[in-house]
N, C-alpha and C. Protein backbone atom coordinates (compact mmCIF):
# COMPACT_ATOMS: atom_id res chain seq x y z
N MET A 1 95.54 39.88 89.99
CA MET A 1 95.81 39.21 88.74
C MET A 1 97.21 38.60 88.78
N TYR A 2 97.30 37.35 88.27
CA TYR A 2 98.57 36.64 88.27
C TYR A 2 98.99 36.42 86.83
N LYS A 3 100.03 37.07 86.36
CA LYS A 3 100.38 36.98 84.95
C LYS A 3 101.88 37.09 84.66
N PRO A 4 102.76 36.61 85.51
CA PRO A 4 104.18 36.78 85.23
C PRO A 4 104.72 35.87 84.15
N LYS A 5 103.98 34.83 83.79
CA LYS A 5 104.48 33.84 82.84
C LYS A 5 104.21 34.21 81.39
N VAL A 6 103.48 35.31 81.17
CA VAL A 6 103.10 35.68 79.82
C VAL A 6 103.24 37.18 79.58
N ILE A 7 103.28 37.54 78.31
CA ILE A 7 103.30 38.95 77.90
C ILE A 7 102.29 39.13 76.77
N VAL A 8 101.88 40.37 76.54
CA VAL A 8 100.97 40.69 75.45
C VAL A 8 101.76 41.42 74.36
N ARG A 9 101.62 40.94 73.13
CA ARG A 9 102.26 41.60 72.00
C ARG A 9 101.49 41.27 70.72
N ASP A 10 101.91 41.86 69.60
CA ASP A 10 101.23 41.63 68.33
C ASP A 10 101.22 40.14 67.98
N SER A 11 100.08 39.71 67.41
CA SER A 11 99.90 38.30 67.09
C SER A 11 99.71 38.10 65.59
N ASP A 12 100.22 36.98 65.09
CA ASP A 12 99.97 36.62 63.69
C ASP A 12 98.56 36.08 63.51
N VAL A 13 97.91 35.70 64.60
CA VAL A 13 96.55 35.17 64.53
C VAL A 13 95.56 36.31 64.35
N HIS A 14 95.61 37.29 65.26
CA HIS A 14 94.71 38.45 65.18
C HIS A 14 95.11 39.48 66.22
N GLY A 15 95.31 40.71 65.78
CA GLY A 15 95.54 41.81 66.71
C GLY A 15 96.65 41.53 67.70
N LEU A 16 96.30 41.67 68.99
CA LEU A 16 97.23 41.37 70.07
C LEU A 16 96.99 39.96 70.59
N GLY A 17 98.05 39.36 71.13
CA GLY A 17 97.93 38.01 71.68
C GLY A 17 98.73 37.88 72.96
N VAL A 18 98.55 36.76 73.64
CA VAL A 18 99.27 36.46 74.87
C VAL A 18 100.32 35.41 74.56
N PHE A 19 101.57 35.67 74.97
CA PHE A 19 102.68 34.78 74.63
C PHE A 19 103.42 34.34 75.90
N ALA A 20 103.87 33.10 75.89
CA ALA A 20 104.60 32.56 77.03
C ALA A 20 105.98 33.21 77.14
N LYS A 21 106.32 33.67 78.34
CA LYS A 21 107.65 34.21 78.59
C LYS A 21 108.65 33.12 78.95
N GLN A 22 108.12 31.94 79.31
CA GLN A 22 108.96 30.83 79.73
C GLN A 22 108.25 29.53 79.35
N ASP A 23 108.94 28.41 79.42
CA ASP A 23 108.30 27.12 79.18
C ASP A 23 107.24 26.88 80.25
N ILE A 24 106.08 26.38 79.82
CA ILE A 24 104.97 26.13 80.72
C ILE A 24 104.57 24.66 80.59
N GLU A 25 104.40 24.00 81.70
CA GLU A 25 104.08 22.58 81.70
C GLU A 25 102.57 22.35 81.55
N GLU A 26 102.21 21.18 81.05
CA GLU A 26 100.80 20.81 80.95
C GLU A 26 100.14 20.84 82.33
N GLY A 27 98.97 21.46 82.40
CA GLY A 27 98.23 21.56 83.65
C GLY A 27 98.61 22.75 84.52
N GLU A 28 99.68 23.44 84.15
CA GLU A 28 100.14 24.58 84.95
C GLU A 28 99.21 25.78 84.77
N ILE A 29 98.92 26.49 85.86
CA ILE A 29 98.12 27.71 85.77
C ILE A 29 98.96 28.81 85.15
N ILE A 30 98.44 29.40 84.10
CA ILE A 30 99.17 30.43 83.36
C ILE A 30 98.86 31.81 83.92
N LEU A 31 97.59 32.08 84.20
CA LEU A 31 97.21 33.37 84.77
C LEU A 31 95.81 33.28 85.35
N THR A 32 95.49 34.20 86.24
CA THR A 32 94.14 34.35 86.78
C THR A 32 93.76 35.82 86.71
N GLU A 33 92.46 36.08 86.64
CA GLU A 33 92.00 37.46 86.57
C GLU A 33 90.59 37.57 87.15
N ARG A 34 90.38 38.55 88.02
CA ARG A 34 89.06 38.81 88.60
C ARG A 34 88.42 40.02 87.91
N SER A 35 87.12 39.95 87.71
CA SER A 35 86.41 41.05 87.08
C SER A 35 85.34 41.62 88.01
N HIS A 36 85.19 42.95 88.00
CA HIS A 36 84.14 43.62 88.75
C HIS A 36 83.07 44.20 87.82
N VAL A 37 83.22 43.96 86.53
CA VAL A 37 82.23 44.40 85.55
C VAL A 37 81.69 43.15 84.86
N PHE A 38 80.44 42.78 85.16
CA PHE A 38 79.92 41.50 84.67
C PHE A 38 78.40 41.54 84.57
N HIS A 39 77.86 40.54 83.86
CA HIS A 39 76.41 40.41 83.72
C HIS A 39 76.07 38.93 83.62
N TYR A 40 75.14 38.47 84.46
CA TYR A 40 74.68 37.09 84.38
C TYR A 40 73.55 37.03 83.36
N MET A 41 73.77 36.27 82.30
CA MET A 41 72.79 36.19 81.22
C MET A 41 71.52 35.50 81.69
N LYS A 42 70.38 36.06 81.29
CA LYS A 42 69.08 35.47 81.59
C LYS A 42 68.65 34.59 80.42
N SER A 43 67.76 33.65 80.68
CA SER A 43 67.38 32.68 79.65
C SER A 43 66.82 33.35 78.40
N HIS A 44 66.00 34.39 78.57
CA HIS A 44 65.42 35.03 77.39
C HIS A 44 66.48 35.81 76.60
N GLU A 45 67.53 36.27 77.27
CA GLU A 45 68.59 37.01 76.58
C GLU A 45 69.42 36.09 75.69
N ILE A 46 69.60 34.85 76.11
CA ILE A 46 70.40 33.90 75.33
C ILE A 46 69.80 33.69 73.96
N ARG A 47 68.49 33.85 73.83
CA ARG A 47 67.82 33.62 72.55
C ARG A 47 67.87 34.85 71.63
N ILE A 48 68.30 35.98 72.15
CA ILE A 48 68.39 37.20 71.34
C ILE A 48 69.66 37.16 70.48
N LYS A 49 69.57 37.59 69.25
CA LYS A 49 70.67 37.45 68.31
C LYS A 49 71.81 38.44 68.56
N ALA A 50 71.56 39.49 69.32
CA ALA A 50 72.63 40.47 69.58
C ALA A 50 73.79 39.81 70.31
N SER A 51 74.99 40.37 70.14
CA SER A 51 76.18 39.78 70.74
C SER A 51 76.20 39.99 72.26
N ASP A 52 77.06 39.21 72.92
CA ASP A 52 77.20 39.33 74.38
C ASP A 52 77.55 40.75 74.80
N ALA A 53 78.32 41.44 73.98
CA ALA A 53 78.77 42.80 74.33
C ALA A 53 77.59 43.72 74.60
N CYS A 54 76.50 43.54 73.87
CA CYS A 54 75.33 44.40 74.03
C CYS A 54 74.74 44.29 75.43
N PHE A 55 74.70 43.09 75.98
CA PHE A 55 74.10 42.89 77.29
C PHE A 55 74.97 43.48 78.39
N LEU A 56 76.27 43.49 78.16
CA LEU A 56 77.15 44.12 79.14
C LEU A 56 77.02 45.64 79.07
N VAL A 57 76.83 46.19 77.89
CA VAL A 57 76.57 47.63 77.75
C VAL A 57 75.29 48.00 78.49
N LYS A 58 74.26 47.18 78.32
CA LYS A 58 72.98 47.42 78.99
C LYS A 58 73.16 47.42 80.51
N LYS A 59 73.92 46.47 81.01
CA LYS A 59 74.18 46.38 82.45
C LYS A 59 74.91 47.62 82.94
N LEU A 60 75.87 48.09 82.17
CA LEU A 60 76.67 49.24 82.57
C LEU A 60 75.83 50.51 82.71
N ILE A 61 74.89 50.71 81.81
CA ILE A 61 74.10 51.95 81.90
C ILE A 61 73.00 51.82 82.97
N GLU A 62 72.69 50.58 83.38
CA GLU A 62 71.69 50.39 84.42
C GLU A 62 72.28 50.48 85.83
N LYS A 63 73.56 50.12 85.98
CA LYS A 63 74.20 50.05 87.29
C LYS A 63 75.30 51.11 87.41
N LYS A 64 75.04 52.16 88.18
CA LYS A 64 76.01 53.26 88.31
C LYS A 64 77.32 52.79 88.92
N ALA A 65 77.24 51.89 89.91
CA ALA A 65 78.45 51.41 90.57
C ALA A 65 79.33 50.63 89.60
N MET A 66 78.69 49.86 88.72
CA MET A 66 79.44 49.09 87.75
C MET A 66 80.05 50.00 86.68
N MET A 67 79.31 51.04 86.30
CA MET A 67 79.86 52.00 85.35
C MET A 67 81.07 52.71 85.94
N LYS A 68 81.03 52.97 87.23
CA LYS A 68 82.18 53.58 87.91
C LYS A 68 83.39 52.66 87.83
N GLN A 69 83.17 51.35 88.07
CA GLN A 69 84.25 50.37 87.96
C GLN A 69 84.80 50.34 86.53
N PHE A 70 83.91 50.40 85.57
CA PHE A 70 84.29 50.38 84.16
C PHE A 70 85.19 51.57 83.82
N LYS A 71 84.80 52.75 84.28
CA LYS A 71 85.58 53.95 83.99
C LYS A 71 86.94 53.91 84.68
N GLN A 72 86.99 53.30 85.86
CA GLN A 72 88.25 53.22 86.60
C GLN A 72 89.27 52.33 85.88
N LEU A 73 88.78 51.41 85.07
CA LEU A 73 89.70 50.55 84.30
C LEU A 73 90.44 51.33 83.22
N LYS A 74 89.86 52.46 82.80
CA LYS A 74 90.48 53.33 81.79
C LYS A 74 90.86 52.56 80.53
N LEU A 75 89.91 51.77 80.04
CA LEU A 75 90.14 50.99 78.83
C LEU A 75 89.82 51.84 77.60
N ASN A 76 90.62 51.68 76.57
CA ASN A 76 90.41 52.40 75.33
C ASN A 76 90.21 51.42 74.18
N CYS A 77 89.44 51.84 73.20
CA CYS A 77 89.25 51.01 72.01
C CYS A 77 90.45 51.19 71.09
N ASP A 78 91.09 50.10 70.74
CA ASP A 78 92.17 50.13 69.76
C ASP A 78 91.54 50.05 68.38
N GLU A 79 91.42 51.19 67.71
CA GLU A 79 90.73 51.25 66.43
C GLU A 79 91.36 50.32 65.39
N LYS A 80 92.65 50.07 65.53
CA LYS A 80 93.35 49.18 64.60
C LYS A 80 92.76 47.79 64.63
N HIS A 81 92.27 47.37 65.82
CA HIS A 81 91.76 46.02 65.99
C HIS A 81 90.26 45.99 66.27
N SER A 82 89.56 47.10 65.98
CA SER A 82 88.12 47.16 66.25
C SER A 82 87.36 46.36 65.19
N VAL A 83 86.13 45.97 65.52
CA VAL A 83 85.30 45.19 64.62
C VAL A 83 84.10 46.01 64.18
N SER A 84 83.53 45.64 63.04
CA SER A 84 82.33 46.32 62.56
C SER A 84 81.12 45.87 63.37
N MET A 85 80.20 46.77 63.60
CA MET A 85 79.02 46.45 64.40
C MET A 85 78.01 45.66 63.57
N PRO A 86 77.64 44.44 64.01
CA PRO A 86 76.61 43.67 63.30
C PRO A 86 75.26 44.39 63.34
N ASP A 87 74.41 44.09 62.38
CA ASP A 87 73.10 44.74 62.31
C ASP A 87 72.28 44.48 63.58
N ALA A 88 72.36 43.26 64.11
CA ALA A 88 71.60 42.92 65.32
C ALA A 88 72.03 43.78 66.50
N ASP A 89 73.34 44.03 66.62
CA ASP A 89 73.84 44.88 67.70
C ASP A 89 73.42 46.32 67.51
N ASN A 90 73.43 46.77 66.26
CA ASN A 90 73.01 48.13 65.95
C ASN A 90 71.56 48.36 66.37
N ARG A 91 70.70 47.40 66.05
CA ARG A 91 69.28 47.52 66.43
C ARG A 91 69.12 47.48 67.95
N PHE A 92 69.86 46.61 68.62
CA PHE A 92 69.79 46.49 70.08
C PHE A 92 70.19 47.81 70.74
N LEU A 93 71.30 48.38 70.30
CA LEU A 93 71.80 49.61 70.93
C LEU A 93 70.92 50.81 70.62
N ARG A 94 70.34 50.85 69.42
CA ARG A 94 69.44 51.97 69.09
C ARG A 94 68.17 51.91 69.95
N ARG A 95 67.67 50.72 70.20
CA ARG A 95 66.51 50.58 71.09
C ARG A 95 66.89 50.97 72.51
N LEU A 96 68.10 50.56 72.94
CA LEU A 96 68.59 50.91 74.27
C LEU A 96 68.76 52.42 74.40
N SER A 97 69.24 53.04 73.35
CA SER A 97 69.42 54.49 73.31
C SER A 97 68.07 55.20 73.47
N TYR A 98 67.07 54.71 72.74
CA TYR A 98 65.74 55.32 72.79
C TYR A 98 65.09 55.15 74.16
N GLU A 99 65.18 53.95 74.72
CA GLU A 99 64.52 53.64 75.99
C GLU A 99 65.16 54.38 77.16
N ASN A 100 66.45 54.66 77.08
CA ASN A 100 67.16 55.29 78.20
C ASN A 100 67.50 56.76 77.93
N LYS A 101 67.05 57.26 76.76
CA LYS A 101 67.28 58.66 76.38
C LYS A 101 68.77 59.01 76.45
N LEU A 102 69.59 58.12 75.87
CA LEU A 102 71.04 58.32 75.81
C LEU A 102 71.47 58.37 74.35
N PRO A 103 72.48 59.19 74.03
CA PRO A 103 72.95 59.25 72.64
C PRO A 103 73.45 57.89 72.16
N PHE A 104 73.04 57.51 70.98
CA PHE A 104 73.49 56.25 70.40
C PHE A 104 75.01 56.20 70.34
N GLU A 105 75.63 57.34 70.00
CA GLU A 105 77.09 57.39 69.87
C GLU A 105 77.80 57.03 71.17
N GLU A 106 77.20 57.43 72.29
CA GLU A 106 77.77 57.09 73.60
C GLU A 106 77.75 55.59 73.84
N LEU A 107 76.62 54.97 73.53
CA LEU A 107 76.50 53.52 73.69
C LEU A 107 77.41 52.78 72.72
N ARG A 108 77.52 53.31 71.51
CA ARG A 108 78.40 52.69 70.51
C ARG A 108 79.85 52.69 70.99
N ASP A 109 80.29 53.80 71.59
CA ASP A 109 81.68 53.88 72.06
C ASP A 109 81.94 52.91 73.21
N ILE A 110 80.96 52.74 74.10
CA ILE A 110 81.10 51.76 75.19
C ILE A 110 81.15 50.36 74.59
N TRP A 111 80.28 50.09 73.62
CA TRP A 111 80.23 48.78 72.95
C TRP A 111 81.57 48.43 72.31
N LYS A 112 82.20 49.40 71.68
CA LYS A 112 83.48 49.15 71.00
C LYS A 112 84.56 48.73 71.99
N VAL A 113 84.55 49.35 73.18
CA VAL A 113 85.52 48.98 74.22
C VAL A 113 85.20 47.59 74.76
N VAL A 114 83.91 47.37 75.07
CA VAL A 114 83.49 46.08 75.62
C VAL A 114 83.85 44.95 74.67
N CYS A 115 83.66 45.16 73.37
CA CYS A 115 83.95 44.12 72.37
C CYS A 115 85.40 43.66 72.45
N GLN A 116 86.30 44.55 72.82
CA GLN A 116 87.71 44.21 72.85
C GLN A 116 88.16 43.57 74.16
N TYR A 117 87.28 43.59 75.18
CA TYR A 117 87.75 43.12 76.49
C TYR A 117 86.81 42.14 77.21
N TYR A 118 85.72 41.71 76.60
CA TYR A 118 84.79 40.86 77.33
C TYR A 118 85.05 39.37 77.07
N MET A 119 84.57 38.55 78.01
CA MET A 119 84.61 37.10 77.87
C MET A 119 83.30 36.52 78.37
N ARG A 120 82.97 35.32 77.87
CA ARG A 120 81.80 34.59 78.35
C ARG A 120 82.27 33.39 79.19
N ILE A 121 81.78 33.30 80.42
CA ILE A 121 82.09 32.19 81.31
C ILE A 121 80.82 31.38 81.52
N THR A 122 80.93 30.06 81.54
CA THR A 122 79.77 29.18 81.56
C THR A 122 79.69 28.34 82.83
N PHE A 123 78.47 28.22 83.35
CA PHE A 123 78.17 27.20 84.35
C PHE A 123 77.17 26.27 83.68
N PRO A 124 77.60 25.06 83.29
CA PRO A 124 76.75 24.17 82.47
C PRO A 124 75.42 23.87 83.16
N PRO A 125 74.32 23.68 82.34
CA PRO A 125 74.42 23.68 80.88
C PRO A 125 74.14 25.03 80.23
N GLN A 126 73.33 25.90 80.84
CA GLN A 126 72.88 27.10 80.16
C GLN A 126 72.90 28.34 81.05
N THR A 127 73.93 28.49 81.87
CA THR A 127 74.08 29.69 82.70
C THR A 127 75.38 30.37 82.30
N PHE A 128 75.28 31.64 81.94
CA PHE A 128 76.45 32.35 81.41
C PHE A 128 76.70 33.65 82.17
N ARG A 129 77.97 33.99 82.31
CA ARG A 129 78.38 35.29 82.84
C ARG A 129 79.23 35.98 81.78
N ILE A 130 78.86 37.21 81.46
CA ILE A 130 79.64 38.02 80.54
C ILE A 130 80.44 38.99 81.39
N GLN A 131 81.75 39.05 81.22
CA GLN A 131 82.54 39.93 82.06
C GLN A 131 83.68 40.57 81.28
N LEU A 132 84.12 41.73 81.78
CA LEU A 132 85.29 42.38 81.21
C LEU A 132 86.53 41.72 81.80
N SER A 133 87.40 41.25 80.94
CA SER A 133 88.67 40.64 81.36
C SER A 133 89.77 41.22 80.47
N PRO A 134 90.28 42.39 80.83
CA PRO A 134 91.22 43.11 79.96
C PRO A 134 92.45 42.30 79.56
N PHE A 135 92.91 41.40 80.44
CA PHE A 135 94.10 40.63 80.10
C PHE A 135 93.73 39.31 79.43
N CYS A 136 92.82 38.55 80.05
CA CYS A 136 92.44 37.25 79.48
C CYS A 136 91.83 37.39 78.10
N ASN A 137 91.17 38.53 77.85
CA ASN A 137 90.53 38.71 76.55
C ASN A 137 91.53 38.80 75.41
N ARG A 138 92.79 39.01 75.71
CA ARG A 138 93.81 39.05 74.66
C ARG A 138 94.18 37.66 74.15
N LEU A 139 93.62 36.63 74.79
CA LEU A 139 93.86 35.26 74.32
C LEU A 139 93.10 35.04 73.02
N ASN A 140 93.79 34.65 71.97
CA ASN A 140 93.16 34.41 70.68
C ASN A 140 92.63 32.99 70.58
N HIS A 141 91.69 32.82 69.65
CA HIS A 141 91.12 31.50 69.38
C HIS A 141 92.03 30.70 68.47
N SER A 142 92.07 29.40 68.69
CA SER A 142 92.72 28.46 67.77
C SER A 142 91.97 27.15 67.81
N ASN A 143 91.86 26.51 66.65
CA ASN A 143 91.26 25.18 66.61
C ASN A 143 92.20 24.13 67.19
N ASN A 144 93.48 24.49 67.31
CA ASN A 144 94.48 23.64 67.96
C ASN A 144 94.99 24.34 69.22
N TYR A 145 94.08 24.74 70.06
CA TYR A 145 94.41 25.53 71.25
C TYR A 145 95.32 24.76 72.21
N ASN A 146 96.12 25.52 72.95
CA ASN A 146 97.06 24.90 73.90
C ASN A 146 96.73 25.23 75.35
N ALA A 147 95.65 25.99 75.57
CA ALA A 147 95.27 26.36 76.93
C ALA A 147 93.75 26.39 77.04
N ALA A 148 93.26 26.42 78.26
CA ALA A 148 91.82 26.46 78.49
C ALA A 148 91.49 27.47 79.58
N VAL A 149 90.45 28.24 79.34
CA VAL A 149 89.94 29.18 80.34
C VAL A 149 88.89 28.45 81.16
N GLY A 150 88.70 28.89 82.40
CA GLY A 150 87.67 28.29 83.24
C GLY A 150 86.29 28.66 82.79
N HIS A 151 85.99 28.43 81.49
CA HIS A 151 84.66 28.74 80.96
C HIS A 151 83.61 27.90 81.66
N ALA A 152 83.91 26.62 81.87
CA ALA A 152 82.95 25.71 82.50
C ALA A 152 83.31 25.54 83.97
N CYS A 153 82.71 26.34 84.83
CA CYS A 153 83.03 26.28 86.26
C CYS A 153 82.49 24.99 86.86
N ARG A 154 83.22 24.43 87.81
CA ARG A 154 82.84 23.14 88.40
C ARG A 154 81.81 23.28 89.51
N SER A 155 81.64 24.47 90.05
CA SER A 155 80.63 24.69 91.08
C SER A 155 80.01 26.06 90.88
N TYR A 156 78.78 26.22 91.41
CA TYR A 156 78.11 27.51 91.27
C TYR A 156 78.84 28.59 92.06
N THR A 157 79.46 28.19 93.16
CA THR A 157 80.25 29.15 93.96
C THR A 157 81.41 29.69 93.14
N ALA A 158 82.11 28.79 92.43
CA ALA A 158 83.21 29.22 91.56
C ALA A 158 82.71 30.14 90.45
N PHE A 159 81.51 29.83 89.95
CA PHE A 159 80.92 30.65 88.89
C PHE A 159 80.65 32.07 89.37
N LEU A 160 80.26 32.20 90.64
CA LEU A 160 79.88 33.50 91.19
C LEU A 160 81.06 34.35 91.65
N ASN A 161 82.27 33.79 91.68
CA ASN A 161 83.39 34.57 92.23
C ASN A 161 84.06 35.49 91.21
N ASN A 162 83.59 35.43 89.95
CA ASN A 162 84.07 36.35 88.90
C ASN A 162 85.57 36.25 88.63
N ILE A 163 86.13 35.07 88.88
CA ILE A 163 87.56 34.86 88.61
C ILE A 163 87.71 33.96 87.38
N VAL A 164 88.60 34.34 86.48
CA VAL A 164 88.94 33.53 85.32
C VAL A 164 90.30 32.90 85.56
N VAL A 165 90.40 31.60 85.34
CA VAL A 165 91.67 30.88 85.48
C VAL A 165 92.03 30.28 84.13
N VAL A 166 93.27 30.47 83.70
CA VAL A 166 93.76 29.91 82.44
C VAL A 166 94.86 28.90 82.74
N ALA A 167 94.71 27.69 82.22
CA ALA A 167 95.69 26.63 82.47
C ALA A 167 96.14 26.01 81.14
N ALA A 168 97.35 25.47 81.12
CA ALA A 168 97.91 24.86 79.91
C ALA A 168 97.31 23.48 79.67
N MET A 169 96.90 23.22 78.44
CA MET A 169 96.36 21.92 78.07
C MET A 169 97.46 20.96 77.61
N ARG A 170 98.60 21.50 77.28
CA ARG A 170 99.78 20.74 76.87
C ARG A 170 101.00 21.59 77.15
N PRO A 171 102.21 21.06 77.05
CA PRO A 171 103.40 21.90 77.25
C PRO A 171 103.43 23.05 76.24
N ILE A 172 103.77 24.24 76.72
CA ILE A 172 103.86 25.43 75.87
C ILE A 172 105.28 25.97 75.96
N GLU A 173 105.90 26.17 74.81
CA GLU A 173 107.28 26.64 74.80
C GLU A 173 107.35 28.16 74.94
N ALA A 174 108.44 28.65 75.51
CA ALA A 174 108.67 30.09 75.61
C ALA A 174 108.58 30.71 74.23
N GLY A 175 107.84 31.81 74.11
CA GLY A 175 107.68 32.48 72.82
C GLY A 175 106.46 32.02 72.04
N GLU A 176 105.86 30.92 72.45
CA GLU A 176 104.68 30.40 71.76
C GLU A 176 103.44 31.17 72.20
N GLU A 177 102.53 31.41 71.26
CA GLU A 177 101.29 32.10 71.63
C GLU A 177 100.37 31.16 72.41
N VAL A 178 99.79 31.68 73.47
CA VAL A 178 98.82 30.93 74.26
C VAL A 178 97.44 31.16 73.63
N THR A 179 96.80 30.08 73.19
CA THR A 179 95.50 30.19 72.52
C THR A 179 94.47 29.32 73.22
N ILE A 180 93.20 29.68 73.03
CA ILE A 180 92.10 28.95 73.67
C ILE A 180 91.02 28.65 72.64
N TRP A 181 90.02 27.90 73.06
CA TRP A 181 88.85 27.55 72.24
C TRP A 181 87.71 28.48 72.64
N TYR A 182 87.17 29.26 71.69
CA TYR A 182 86.17 30.27 72.01
C TYR A 182 84.75 29.73 72.14
N LEU A 183 84.43 28.69 71.39
CA LEU A 183 83.03 28.30 71.25
C LEU A 183 82.47 27.57 72.47
N PRO A 184 81.16 27.73 72.73
CA PRO A 184 80.57 27.08 73.91
C PRO A 184 80.49 25.56 73.78
N GLU A 185 80.35 25.05 72.56
CA GLU A 185 80.32 23.61 72.35
C GLU A 185 81.74 23.06 72.35
N HIS A 186 81.89 21.81 72.82
CA HIS A 186 83.20 21.17 72.86
C HIS A 186 83.76 21.00 71.45
N ARG A 187 85.08 21.00 71.31
CA ARG A 187 85.73 20.86 70.01
C ARG A 187 85.25 19.62 69.26
N ALA A 188 85.06 18.52 69.97
CA ALA A 188 84.65 17.26 69.34
C ALA A 188 83.25 17.33 68.73
N TYR A 189 82.48 18.34 69.12
CA TYR A 189 81.11 18.50 68.60
C TYR A 189 81.11 18.85 67.12
N TYR A 190 82.18 19.47 66.63
CA TYR A 190 82.22 19.98 65.26
C TYR A 190 82.86 18.97 64.31
N ALA A 191 82.15 18.71 63.21
CA ALA A 191 82.61 17.71 62.25
C ALA A 191 83.66 18.24 61.29
N ASP A 192 83.60 19.54 60.99
CA ASP A 192 84.53 20.08 60.01
C ASP A 192 84.73 21.58 60.23
N LEU A 193 85.62 22.17 59.42
CA LEU A 193 85.96 23.58 59.57
C LEU A 193 84.77 24.49 59.28
N SER A 194 83.94 24.12 58.31
CA SER A 194 82.79 24.97 57.97
C SER A 194 81.82 25.10 59.14
N ALA A 195 81.65 24.02 59.89
CA ALA A 195 80.76 24.07 61.06
C ALA A 195 81.35 24.96 62.15
N ILE A 196 82.66 24.87 62.35
CA ILE A 196 83.34 25.73 63.33
C ILE A 196 83.19 27.19 62.92
N ASN A 197 83.45 27.47 61.63
CA ASN A 197 83.41 28.85 61.16
C ASN A 197 82.00 29.44 61.19
N HIS A 198 81.01 28.59 61.02
CA HIS A 198 79.63 29.08 61.09
C HIS A 198 79.36 29.69 62.47
N ASP A 199 79.78 28.99 63.53
CA ASP A 199 79.53 29.50 64.89
C ASP A 199 80.48 30.63 65.27
N LEU A 200 81.73 30.56 64.80
CA LEU A 200 82.66 31.67 65.06
C LEU A 200 82.15 32.96 64.44
N LYS A 201 81.65 32.86 63.22
CA LYS A 201 81.14 34.04 62.52
C LYS A 201 79.90 34.58 63.22
N ARG A 202 79.03 33.68 63.65
CA ARG A 202 77.78 34.08 64.30
C ARG A 202 78.02 34.74 65.65
N LEU A 203 78.96 34.21 66.42
CA LEU A 203 79.18 34.68 67.79
C LEU A 203 80.26 35.75 67.90
N TYR A 204 81.28 35.68 67.02
CA TYR A 204 82.44 36.57 67.19
C TYR A 204 82.80 37.39 65.95
N GLY A 205 82.16 37.10 64.83
CA GLY A 205 82.38 37.91 63.64
C GLY A 205 83.63 37.60 62.84
N PHE A 206 84.25 36.44 63.06
CA PHE A 206 85.43 36.06 62.27
C PHE A 206 85.40 34.57 61.99
N GLU A 207 86.29 34.14 61.09
CA GLU A 207 86.41 32.72 60.76
C GLU A 207 87.87 32.28 60.92
N SER A 208 88.08 31.01 61.22
CA SER A 208 89.43 30.47 61.32
C SER A 208 89.84 29.92 59.95
N GLN A 209 91.13 29.79 59.74
CA GLN A 209 91.65 29.42 58.43
C GLN A 209 91.96 27.95 58.28
N SER A 210 92.13 27.25 59.39
CA SER A 210 92.49 25.83 59.28
C SER A 210 92.05 25.08 60.53
N LEU A 211 91.95 23.76 60.39
CA LEU A 211 91.62 22.90 61.52
C LEU A 211 92.84 22.76 62.45
């Protein structure tokens, strides 16, 4: 992981955020991060209303080697910044609990950690990878974002290497929070704030306050 240009601290946007330690030029790589805990979304899964976190929980309980990697990360849920479980996720995890004969509470605790550290990476048009990115996941959303994650990989090989790259979209001053665009559709796709908030609420459980 390459991250000397930024630090993580409390954010006015939400919870913790990533902040520039020095001036960063447009186009400059801010950080990179590789993940060993991931799940390639299948077409039928994309249509399910449960959040991405649920599918990564499912992958973890199915793959012992991946669960081992997950435990080695020693990630903890920060209850101060935890989110409420949507009804769709609750139903998904309860079915998973029943099918695998595992306590619901165990799956819920894994879900809470995954929610705080996962990201969705895209290979256009409809291929997605859900992965744990403990550092990159601290990047908050902004409608006026100043950086971009390699959500849209340029080649399938790049998509398969499980590396996230974050680069500056414009000059970023020291002390400024580094923010990204969370939604899968391009910013220009949205006509107004209500349309943006509809998808943010559906996918991530929060709304933005301004354009």
